């Protein structure tokens, strides 16, 4: 890989490095969970499909302004020249440098003055659940205020748009597609890997409603808003073809920022 010369702020408009070696060369890696907690979790039956413009607007609204002394002017980390994507740990290591690091720098700039966001990796929530990456909001005394978002890292070639498309709904076809899903053996219109990904995301939604899944090639975002008329929202994204200016870095920032700003709005309404 060539060393990156981009500033962090500039990198938000750039795609992730593509000159990465893949140990798995087939187009589709089949997954299935052996964890009982995932097996017992319900899959998402259908989801309300979000638009890329929603996340573009969130990014433009909340991305911090850049001053002369901003940490966003620092350079991006240099990728490891011998990096091989062979296991989930390899994807996590590369994602930490190229995706999570710049997003964390930007998120710290939009925190209210008496709070800070802490990003942790491989956090255990119980004997059966381990979160790959989580963002939580803390006050200045270290007291946790809110878990903002969860990012689940998968091995390469696991997330595929076609596995999700049949379950995408809008206001007009929601009832009809929901009825179809209830008639399926698995009670979902998701297919193949997407069924297992949604089961895991649903399990994690017990701790936080905002769950994203990433395999370096693609990302799928679940928003489990049980008090909403749209209980599950979903969005698939990859950096191939036309992206309407979106990148993985912009998307992940917007994803966590929406949760942060939602928390701030709820707090402002308290008496």
C-alpha atoms as a PDB file:
ATOM      1  CA  UNK A   1       0.000   0.000   0.000  1.00  0.00           C
ATOM      2  CA  UNK A   2       1.080   3.549  -0.576  1.00  0.00           C
ATOM      3  CA  UNK A   3       1.340   5.700   2.550  1.00  0.00           C
ATOM      4  CA  UNK A   4      -1.658   7.984   2.907  1.00  0.00           C
ATOM      5  CA  UNK A   5      -0.947  11.679   2.604  1.00  0.00           C
ATOM      6  CA  UNK A   6      -4.527  12.727   3.276  1.00  0.00           C
ATOM      7  CA  UNK A   7      -5.502  14.821   6.245  1.00  0.00           C
ATOM      8  CA  UNK A   8      -8.207  13.232   8.373  1.00  0.00           C
ATOM      9  CA  UNK A   9     -10.753  15.836   7.278  1.00  0.00           C
ATOM     10  CA  UNK A  10     -10.006  15.141   3.619  1.00  0.00           C
ATOM     11  CA  UNK A  11     -10.225  11.375   4.119  1.00  0.00           C
ATOM     12  CA  UNK A  12     -13.936  11.639   4.882  1.00  0.00           C
ATOM     13  CA  UNK A  13     -14.483  12.247   1.178  1.00  0.00           C
ATOM     14  CA  UNK A  14     -12.252   9.334   0.146  1.00  0.00           C
ATOM     15  CA  UNK A  15     -12.960   5.640  -0.149  1.00  0.00           C
ATOM     16  CA  UNK A  16     -11.166   3.104   2.023  1.00  0.00           C
ATOM     17  CA  UNK A  17      -7.898   1.671   0.656  1.00  0.00           C
ATOM     18  CA  UNK A  18      -8.584  -0.959  -1.981  1.00  0.00           C
ATOM     19  CA  UNK A  19      -5.060  -2.302  -2.474  1.00  0.00           C
ATOM     20  CA  UNK A  20      -5.632  -4.872   0.271  1.00  0.00           C
ATOM     21  CA  UNK A  21      -4.844  -8.579  -0.024  1.00  0.00           C
ATOM     22  CA  UNK A  22      -7.786 -10.936   0.533  1.00  0.00           C
ATOM     23  CA  UNK A  23      -7.236 -14.493   1.718  1.00  0.00           C
ATOM     24  CA  UNK A  24     -10.798 -15.419   0.677  1.00  0.00           C
ATOM     25  CA  UNK A  25     -11.176 -14.959  -3.068  1.00  0.00           C
ATOM     26  CA  UNK A  26     -14.715 -16.224  -3.633  1.00  0.00           C
ATOM     27  CA  UNK A  27     -17.536 -13.673  -4.015  1.00  0.00           C
ATOM     28  CA  UNK A  28     -19.715 -15.053  -1.181  1.00  0.00           C
ATOM     29  CA  UNK A  29     -18.690 -16.288   2.264  1.00  0.00           C
ATOM     30  CA  UNK A  30     -21.536 -18.256   3.896  1.00  0.00           C
ATOM     31  CA  UNK A  31     -22.004 -17.642   7.608  1.00  0.00           C
ATOM     32  CA  UNK A  32     -24.021 -19.277  10.353  1.00  0.00           C
ATOM     33  CA  UNK A  33     -23.856 -18.649  14.074  1.00  0.00           C
ATOM     34  CA  UNK A  34     -23.253 -21.365  16.643  1.00  0.00           C
ATOM     35  CA  UNK A  35     -24.031 -19.084  19.615  1.00  0.00           C
ATOM     36  CA  UNK A  36     -27.316 -20.058  21.223  1.00  0.00           C
ATOM     37  CA  UNK A  37     -28.114 -16.426  22.012  1.00  0.00           C
ATOM     38  CA  UNK A  38     -27.960 -15.585  18.306  1.00  0.00           C
ATOM     39  CA  UNK A  39     -29.777 -18.722  17.195  1.00  0.00           C
ATOM     40  CA  UNK A  40     -32.613 -17.968  19.624  1.00  0.00           C
ATOM     41  CA  UNK A  41     -32.858 -14.320  18.577  1.00  0.00           C
ATOM     42  CA  UNK A  42     -35.625 -13.373  16.159  1.00  0.00           C
ATOM     43  CA  UNK A  43     -34.586 -12.238  12.687  1.00  0.00           C
ATOM     44  CA  UNK A  44     -35.796  -8.931  11.308  1.00  0.00           C
ATOM     45  CA  UNK A  45     -38.958  -9.672   9.330  1.00  0.00           C
ATOM     46  CA  UNK A  46     -38.825  -6.531   7.159  1.00  0.00           C
ATOM     47  CA  UNK A  47     -37.203  -3.118   7.467  1.00  0.00           C
ATOM     48  CA  UNK A  48     -38.006   0.397   6.327  1.00  0.00           C
ATOM     49  CA  UNK A  49     -35.334   1.275   3.807  1.00  0.00           C
ATOM     50  CA  UNK A  50     -33.510   4.538   4.457  1.00  0.00           C
ATOM     51  CA  UNK A  51     -32.052   6.778   1.771  1.00  0.00           C
ATOM     52  CA  UNK A  52     -28.415   7.747   1.342  1.00  0.00           C
ATOM     53  CA  UNK A  53     -29.488  11.382   1.378  1.00  0.00           C
ATOM     54  CA  UNK A  54     -30.640  10.997   4.977  1.00  0.00           C
ATOM     55  CA  UNK A  55     -27.084  10.208   6.048  1.00  0.00           C
ATOM     56  CA  UNK A  56     -25.563  12.823   3.763  1.00  0.00           C
ATOM     57  CA  UNK A  57     -27.717  15.470   5.448  1.00  0.00           C
ATOM     58  CA  UNK A  58     -26.786  14.196   8.912  1.00  0.00           C
ATOM     59  CA  UNK A  59     -23.115  14.387   8.001  1.00  0.00           C
ATOM     60  CA  UNK A  60     -23.344  17.908   6.586  1.00  0.00           C
ATOM     61  CA  UNK A  61     -25.371  19.119   9.566  1.00  0.00           C
ATOM     62  CA  UNK A  62     -23.156  17.741  12.324  1.00  0.00           C
ATOM     63  CA  UNK A  63     -19.613  17.429  10.967  1.00  0.00           C
ATOM     64  CA  UNK A  64     -17.457  19.916  12.920  1.00  0.00           C
ATOM     65  CA  UNK A  65     -16.028  23.070  11.439  1.00  0.00           C
ATOM     66  CA  UNK A  66     -12.298  22.875  10.872  1.00  0.00           C
ATOM     67  CA  UNK A  67     -10.067  25.516  12.397  1.00  0.00           C
ATOM     68  CA  UNK A  68      -6.309  25.962  12.112  1.00  0.00           C
ATOM     69  CA  UNK A  69      -5.616  23.917  15.242  1.00  0.00           C
ATOM     70  CA  UNK A  70      -8.206  21.207  14.661  1.00  0.00           C
ATOM     71  CA  UNK A  71      -7.046  17.610  15.224  1.00  0.00           C
ATOM     72  CA  UNK A  72      -8.865  16.813  11.984  1.00  0.00           C
ATOM     73  CA  UNK A  73      -5.983  18.476  10.160  1.00  0.00           C
ATOM     74  CA  UNK A  74      -3.647  15.671  11.305  1.00  0.00           C
ATOM     75  CA  UNK A  75      -2.597  13.021   8.813  1.00  0.00           C
ATOM     76  CA  UNK A  76      -4.346   9.698   8.406  1.00  0.00           C
ATOM     77  CA  UNK A  77      -2.523   6.616   9.723  1.00  0.00           C
ATOM     78  CA  UNK A  78      -0.359   4.810   7.187  1.00  0.00           C
ATOM     79  CA  UNK A  79      -1.826   1.392   6.298  1.00  0.00           C
ATOM     80  CA  UNK A  80       0.266  -1.678   6.943  1.00  0.00           C
ATOM     81  CA  UNK A  81       1.930  -2.688   3.695  1.00  0.00           C
ATOM     82  CA  UNK A  82       1.680  -6.405   4.487  1.00  0.00           C
ATOM     83  CA  UNK A  83      -1.912  -6.388   5.694  1.00  0.00           C
ATOM     84  CA  UNK A  84      -3.839  -9.531   4.717  1.00  0.00           C
ATOM     85  CA  UNK A  85      -7.575  -9.760   5.348  1.00  0.00           C
ATOM     86  CA  UNK A  86      -7.892 -13.351   6.496  1.00  0.00           C
ATOM     87  CA  UNK A  87      -9.887 -13.252   9.771  1.00  0.00           C
ATOM     88  CA  UNK A  88     -12.309 -10.907  11.499  1.00  0.00           C
ATOM     89  CA  UNK A  89      -9.417  -9.630  13.610  1.00  0.00           C
ATOM     90  CA  UNK A  90      -7.650  -8.494  10.441  1.00  0.00           C
ATOM     91  CA  UNK A  91     -10.725  -6.541   9.317  1.00  0.00           C
ATOM     92  CA  UNK A  92     -11.021  -4.977  12.775  1.00  0.00           C
ATOM     93  CA  UNK A  93      -7.354  -3.911  12.797  1.00  0.00           C
ATOM     94  CA  UNK A  94      -7.544  -2.266   9.387  1.00  0.00           C
ATOM     95  CA  UNK A  95     -10.942  -0.725  10.133  1.00  0.00           C
ATOM     96  CA  UNK A  96      -9.590   0.738  13.383  1.00  0.00           C
ATOM     97  CA  UNK A  97      -6.869   2.612  11.499  1.00  0.00           C
ATOM     98  CA  UNK A  98      -8.752   3.620   8.389  1.00  0.00           C
ATOM     99  CA  UNK A  99     -12.401   3.931   9.478  1.00  0.00           C
ATOM    100  CA  UNK A 100     -12.886   4.117  13.233  1.00  0.00           C
ATOM    101  CA  UNK A 101      -9.917   6.397  14.050  1.00  0.00           C
ATOM    102  CA  UNK A 102     -10.968   9.366  11.862  1.00  0.00           C
ATOM    103  CA  UNK A 103     -14.595   8.992  12.938  1.00  0.00           C
ATOM    104  CA  UNK A 104     -13.564   9.100  16.610  1.00  0.00           C
ATOM    105  CA  UNK A 105     -11.535  12.285  16.064  1.00  0.00           C
ATOM    106  CA  UNK A 106     -14.527  13.975  14.446  1.00  0.00           C
ATOM    107  CA  UNK A 107     -17.023  12.775  17.054  1.00  0.00           C
ATOM    108  CA  UNK A 108     -15.006  14.266  19.910  1.00  0.00           C
ATOM    109  CA  UNK A 109     -15.366  17.694  18.301  1.00  0.00           C
ATOM    110  CA  UNK A 110     -19.166  17.655  18.491  1.00  0.00           C
ATOM    111  CA  UNK A 111     -19.568  16.466  22.095  1.00  0.00           C
ATOM    112  CA  UNK A 112     -21.185  18.884  24.547  1.00  0.00           C
ATOM    113  CA  UNK A 113     -18.547  20.528  26.730  1.00  0.00           C
ATOM    114  CA  UNK A 114     -19.281  18.426  29.815  1.00  0.00           C
ATOM    115  CA  UNK A 115     -19.211  15.050  28.054  1.00  0.00           C
ATOM    116  CA  UNK A 116     -16.922  12.834  26.023  1.00  0.00           C
ATOM    117  CA  UNK A 117     -17.386   9.854  23.734  1.00  0.00           C
ATOM    118  CA  UNK A 118     -15.401   6.719  24.497  1.00  0.00           C
ATOM    119  CA  UNK A 119     -14.965   4.078  21.808  1.00  0.00           C
ATOM    120  CA  UNK A 120     -14.171   0.587  23.066  1.00  0.00           C
ATOM    121  CA  UNK A 121     -13.421  -2.633  21.208  1.00  0.00           C
ATOM    122  CA  UNK A 122     -14.285  -6.183  22.229  1.00  0.00           C
ATOM    123  CA  UNK A 123     -16.482  -5.249  25.171  1.00  0.00           C
ATOM    124  CA  UNK A 124     -18.273  -8.022  27.039  1.00  0.00           C
ATOM    125  CA  UNK A 125     -21.878  -7.321  27.984  1.00  0.00           C
ATOM    126  CA  UNK A 126     -22.641 -10.787  29.377  1.00  0.00           C
ATOM    127  CA  UNK A 127     -21.309 -14.307  29.285  1.00  0.00           C
ATOM    128  CA  UNK A 128     -22.824 -14.753  25.839  1.00  0.00           C
ATOM    129  CA  UNK A 129     -22.375 -11.344  24.173  1.00  0.00           C
ATOM    130  CA  UNK A 130     -19.271  -9.472  23.095  1.00  0.00           C
ATOM    131  CA  UNK A 131     -19.462  -6.180  21.229  1.00  0.00           C
ATOM    132  CA  UNK A 132     -16.716  -5.638  18.663  1.00  0.00           C
ATOM    133  CA  UNK A 133     -16.909  -1.837  18.792  1.00  0.00           C
ATOM    134  CA  UNK A 134     -19.140   0.435  20.865  1.00  0.00           C
ATOM    135  CA  UNK A 135     -19.445   4.178  21.322  1.00  0.00           C
ATOM    136  CA  UNK A 136     -20.701   5.435  24.687  1.00  0.00           C
ATOM    137  CA  UNK A 137     -21.203   8.902  26.113  1.00  0.00           C
ATOM    138  CA  UNK A 138     -19.729   9.752  29.524  1.00  0.00           C
ATOM    139  CA  UNK A 139     -19.722  12.843  31.709  1.00  0.00           C
ATOM    140  CA  UNK A 140     -16.505  14.436  32.934  1.00  0.00           C
ATOM    141  CA  UNK A 141     -16.589  12.286  36.091  1.00  0.00           C
ATOM    142  CA  UNK A 142     -16.578   9.094  34.055  1.00  0.00           C
ATOM    143  CA  UNK A 143     -20.243   8.296  34.662  1.00  0.00           C
ATOM    144  CA  UNK A 144     -21.833   6.535  31.648  1.00  0.00           C
ATOM    145  CA  UNK A 145     -24.740   8.481  30.184  1.00  0.00           C
ATOM    146  CA  UNK A 146     -25.750   6.530  27.091  1.00  0.00           C
ATOM    147  CA  UNK A 147     -24.543   3.774  24.810  1.00  0.00           C
ATOM    148  CA  UNK A 148     -24.712   5.454  21.409  1.00  0.00           C
ATOM    149  CA  UNK A 149     -23.939   2.836  18.778  1.00  0.00           C
ATOM    150  CA  UNK A 150     -22.523  -0.630  18.143  1.00  0.00           C
ATOM    151  CA  UNK A 151     -20.387  -1.760  15.208  1.00  0.00           C
ATOM    152  CA  UNK A 152     -20.118  -5.472  14.548  1.00  0.00           C
ATOM    153  CA  UNK A 153     -17.100  -6.495  12.462  1.00  0.00           C
ATOM    154  CA  UNK A 154     -17.387  -9.467  10.125  1.00  0.00           C
ATOM    155  CA  UNK A 155     -14.974 -11.277   7.889  1.00  0.00           C
ATOM    156  CA  UNK A 156     -14.889 -10.226   4.243  1.00  0.00           C
ATOM    157  CA  UNK A 157     -17.606 -10.994   1.666  1.00  0.00           C
ATOM    158  CA  UNK A 158     -20.347 -11.585   4.229  1.00  0.00           C
ATOM    159  CA  UNK A 159     -22.677  -8.613   3.627  1.00  0.00           C
ATOM    160  CA  UNK A 160     -24.508  -8.712   0.282  1.00  0.00           C
ATOM    161  CA  UNK A 161     -27.155  -6.291  -0.922  1.00  0.00           C
ATOM    162  CA  UNK A 162     -29.193  -9.013  -2.591  1.00  0.00           C
ATOM    163  CA  UNK A 163     -29.724 -10.781   0.733  1.00  0.00           C
ATOM    164  CA  UNK A 164     -31.487  -7.699   2.104  1.00  0.00           C
ATOM    165  CA  UNK A 165     -33.433  -6.355  -0.857  1.00  0.00           C
ATOM    166  CA  UNK A 166     -36.525  -8.558  -0.608  1.00  0.00           C
ATOM    167  CA  UNK A 167     -37.188  -7.363   2.969  1.00  0.00           C
ATOM    168  CA  UNK A 168     -37.003  -3.625   2.209  1.00  0.00           C
ATOM    169  CA  UNK A 169     -40.357  -1.894   2.661  1.00  0.00           C
ATOM    170  CA  UNK A 170     -41.933   1.559   2.500  1.00  0.00           C
ATOM    171  CA  UNK A 171     -45.173   2.992   3.850  1.00  0.00           C
ATOM    172  CA  UNK A 172     -47.164   1.693   0.880  1.00  0.00           C
ATOM    173  CA  UNK A 173     -46.094  -1.953   0.896  1.00  0.00           C
ATOM    174  CA  UNK A 174     -45.264  -2.476   4.584  1.00  0.00           C
ATOM    175  CA  UNK A 175     -48.432  -4.357   5.534  1.00  0.00           C
ATOM    176  CA  UNK A 176     -48.364  -6.630   2.504  1.00  0.00           C
ATOM    177  CA  UNK A 177     -44.691  -7.516   2.890  1.00  0.00           C
ATOM    178  CA  UNK A 178     -45.065  -8.029   6.633  1.00  0.00           C
ATOM    179  CA  UNK A 179     -47.873 -10.523   5.963  1.00  0.00           C
ATOM    180  CA  UNK A 180     -45.650 -12.313   3.438  1.00  0.00           C
ATOM    181  CA  UNK A 181     -42.839 -12.491   5.969  1.00  0.00           C
ATOM    182  CA  UNK A 182     -45.111 -14.071   8.563  1.00  0.00           C
ATOM    183  CA  UNK A 183     -45.902 -16.793   6.047  1.00  0.00           C
ATOM    184  CA  UNK A 184     -42.250 -17.694   5.508  1.00  0.00           C
ATOM    185  CA  UNK A 185     -40.648 -20.565   7.439  1.00  0.00           C
ATOM    186  CA  UNK A 186     -38.218 -18.200   9.177  1.00  0.00           C
ATOM    187  CA  UNK A 187     -40.786 -15.389   9.454  1.00  0.00           C
ATOM    188  CA  UNK A 188     -38.544 -13.003   7.503  1.00  0.00           C
ATOM    189  CA  UNK A 189     -38.073 -11.845   3.928  1.00  0.00           C
ATOM    190  CA  UNK A 190     -34.339 -11.563   4.497  1.00  0.00           C
ATOM    191  CA  UNK A 191     -32.282 -14.237   2.789  1.00  0.00           C
ATOM    192  CA  UNK A 192     -29.121 -16.257   3.437  1.00  0.00           C
ATOM    193  CA  UNK A 193     -26.460 -14.342   5.426  1.00  0.00           C
ATOM    194  CA  UNK A 194     -28.785 -11.411   6.074  1.00  0.00           C
ATOM    195  CA  UNK A 195     -30.959 -13.607   8.291  1.00  0.00           C
ATOM    196  CA  UNK A 196     -28.029 -14.357  10.604  1.00  0.00           C
ATOM    197  CA  UNK A 197     -26.746 -10.790  10.523  1.00  0.00           C
ATOM    198  CA  UNK A 198     -30.162  -9.501  11.549  1.00  0.00           C
ATOM    199  CA  UNK A 199     -30.402 -12.059  14.339  1.00  0.00           C
ATOM    200  CA  UNK A 200     -27.115 -10.843  15.786  1.00  0.00           C
ATOM    201  CA  UNK A 201     -28.085  -7.199  15.362  1.00  0.00           C
ATOM    202  CA  UNK A 202     -31.424  -7.891  17.053  1.00  0.00           C
ATOM    203  CA  UNK A 203     -29.602  -9.514  19.979  1.00  0.00           C
ATOM    204  CA  UNK A 204     -27.342  -6.468  20.356  1.00  0.00           C
ATOM    205  CA  UNK A 205     -30.330  -4.124  20.197  1.00  0.00           C
ATOM    206  CA  UNK A 206     -31.047  -5.161  23.800  1.00  0.00           C
ATOM    207  CA  UNK A 207     -28.076  -2.950  24.714  1.00  0.00           C
ATOM    208  CA  UNK A 208     -28.399  -0.242  22.052  1.00  0.00           C
ATOM    209  CA  UNK A 209     -30.922   0.301  19.231  1.00  0.00           C
ATOM    210  CA  UNK A 210     -28.281   1.428  16.725  1.00  0.00           C
ATOM    211  CA  UNK A 211     -26.299  -1.495  15.305  1.00  0.00           C
ATOM    212  CA  UNK A 212     -24.093  -1.423  12.195  1.00  0.00           C
ATOM    213  CA  UNK A 213     -22.388  -4.433  10.604  1.00  0.00           C
ATOM    214  CA  UNK A 214     -19.240  -4.039   8.504  1.00  0.00           C
ATOM    215  CA  UNK A 215     -17.080  -6.497   6.524  1.00  0.00           C
ATOM    216  CA  UNK A 216     -14.730  -3.965   4.851  1.00  0.00           C
ATOM    217  CA  UNK A 217     -16.580  -4.347   1.544  1.00  0.00           C
ATOM    218  CA  UNK A 218     -20.040  -3.305   2.725  1.00  0.00           C
ATOM    219  CA  UNK A 219     -21.961  -1.947   5.691  1.00  0.00           C
ATOM    220  CA  UNK A 220     -25.535  -2.490   6.800  1.00  0.00           C
ATOM    221  CA  UNK A 221     -27.114  -0.269   9.436  1.00  0.00           C
ATOM    222  CA  UNK A 222     -30.012  -1.358  11.647  1.00  0.00           C
ATOM    223  CA  UNK A 223     -31.969   1.111  13.757  1.00  0.00           C
ATOM    224  CA  UNK A 224     -34.347  -0.634  16.178  1.00  0.00           C
ATOM    225  CA  UNK A 225     -36.792   2.070  17.278  1.00  0.00           C
ATOM    226  CA  UNK A 226     -39.490   0.151  19.080  1.00  0.00           C
ATOM    227  CA  UNK A 227     -41.574   3.198  20.000  1.00  0.00           C
ATOM    228  CA  UNK A 228     -41.662   4.344  16.377  1.00  0.00           C
ATOM    229  CA  UNK A 229     -44.177   3.631  13.636  1.00  0.00           C
ATOM    230  CA  UNK A 230     -41.130   2.332  11.743  1.00  0.00           C
ATOM    231  CA  UNK A 231     -39.783  -0.135  14.328  1.00  0.00           C
ATOM    232  CA  UNK A 232     -36.785  -1.259  12.258  1.00  0.00           C
ATOM    233  CA  UNK A 233     -34.993   0.956   9.753  1.00  0.00           C
ATOM    234  CA  UNK A 234     -32.216  -0.366   7.559  1.00  0.00           C
ATOM    235  CA  UNK A 235     -29.618   0.928   5.124  1.00  0.00           C
ATOM    236  CA  UNK A 236     -27.155  -0.930   2.908  1.00  0.00           C
ATOM    237  CA  UNK A 237     -24.034   0.805   1.587  1.00  0.00           C
ATOM    238  CA  UNK A 238     -20.863  -0.032  -0.259  1.00  0.00           C
ATOM    239  CA  UNK A 239     -18.301   2.121  -2.038  1.00  0.00           C
ATOM    240  CA  UNK A 240     -18.713   0.533  -5.470  1.00  0.00           C
ATOM    241  CA  UNK A 241     -20.379   2.396  -8.317  1.00  0.00           C
ATOM    242  CA  UNK A 242     -22.299   5.612  -7.712  1.00  0.00           C
ATOM    243  CA  UNK A 243     -22.361   6.584  -4.045  1.00  0.00           C
ATOM    244  CA  UNK A 244     -23.919  10.089  -4.156  1.00  0.00           C
ATOM    245  CA  UNK A 245     -20.821  11.421  -2.408  1.00  0.00           C
ATOM    246  CA  UNK A 246     -21.172   9.018   0.513  1.00  0.00           C
ATOM    247  CA  UNK A 247     -18.203   7.114   1.935  1.00  0.00           C
ATOM    248  CA  UNK A 248     -17.868   4.602   4.757  1.00  0.00           C
ATOM    249  CA  UNK A 249     -16.253   7.286   6.938  1.00  0.00           C
ATOM    250  CA  UNK A 250     -19.026   9.810   6.319  1.00  0.00           C
ATOM    251  CA  UNK A 251     -21.674   7.140   6.927  1.00  0.00           C
ATOM    252  CA  UNK A 252     -20.233   5.889  10.211  1.00  0.00           C
ATOM    253  CA  UNK A 253     -19.837   9.431  11.526  1.00  0.00           C
ATOM    254  CA  UNK A 254     -23.446  10.263  10.602  1.00  0.00           C
ATOM    255  CA  UNK A 255     -24.655   7.016  12.167  1.00  0.00           C
ATOM    256  CA  UNK A 256     -23.101   7.710  15.573  1.00  0.00           C
ATOM    257  CA  UNK A 257     -23.788  11.470  15.421  1.00  0.00           C
ATOM    258  CA  UNK A 258     -27.514  10.851  14.906  1.00  0.00           C
ATOM    259  CA  UNK A 259     -27.612   8.809  18.105  1.00  0.00           C
ATOM    260  CA  UNK A 260     -25.639  11.473  19.994  1.00  0.00           C
ATOM    261  CA  UNK A 261     -27.881  14.302  18.823  1.00  0.00           C
ATOM    262  CA  UNK A 262     -30.965  12.236  19.615  1.00  0.00           C
ATOM    263  CA  UNK A 263     -29.710  11.798  23.165  1.00  0.00           C
ATOM    264  CA  UNK A 264     -29.068  15.547  23.462  1.00  0.00           C
ATOM    265  CA  UNK A 265     -32.571  16.301  22.217  1.00  0.00           C
ATOM    266  CA  UNK A 266     -34.144  13.960  24.771  1.00  0.00           C
ATOM    267  CA  UNK A 267     -32.133  15.493  27.598  1.00  0.00           C
ATOM    268  CA  UNK A 268     -33.120  19.019  26.577  1.00  0.00           C
ATOM    269  CA  UNK A 269     -36.799  18.081  26.918  1.00  0.00           C
ATOM    270  CA  UNK A 270     -36.458  16.881  30.492  1.00  0.00           C
ATOM    271  CA  UNK A 271     -37.866  19.200  33.151  1.00  0.00           C
END
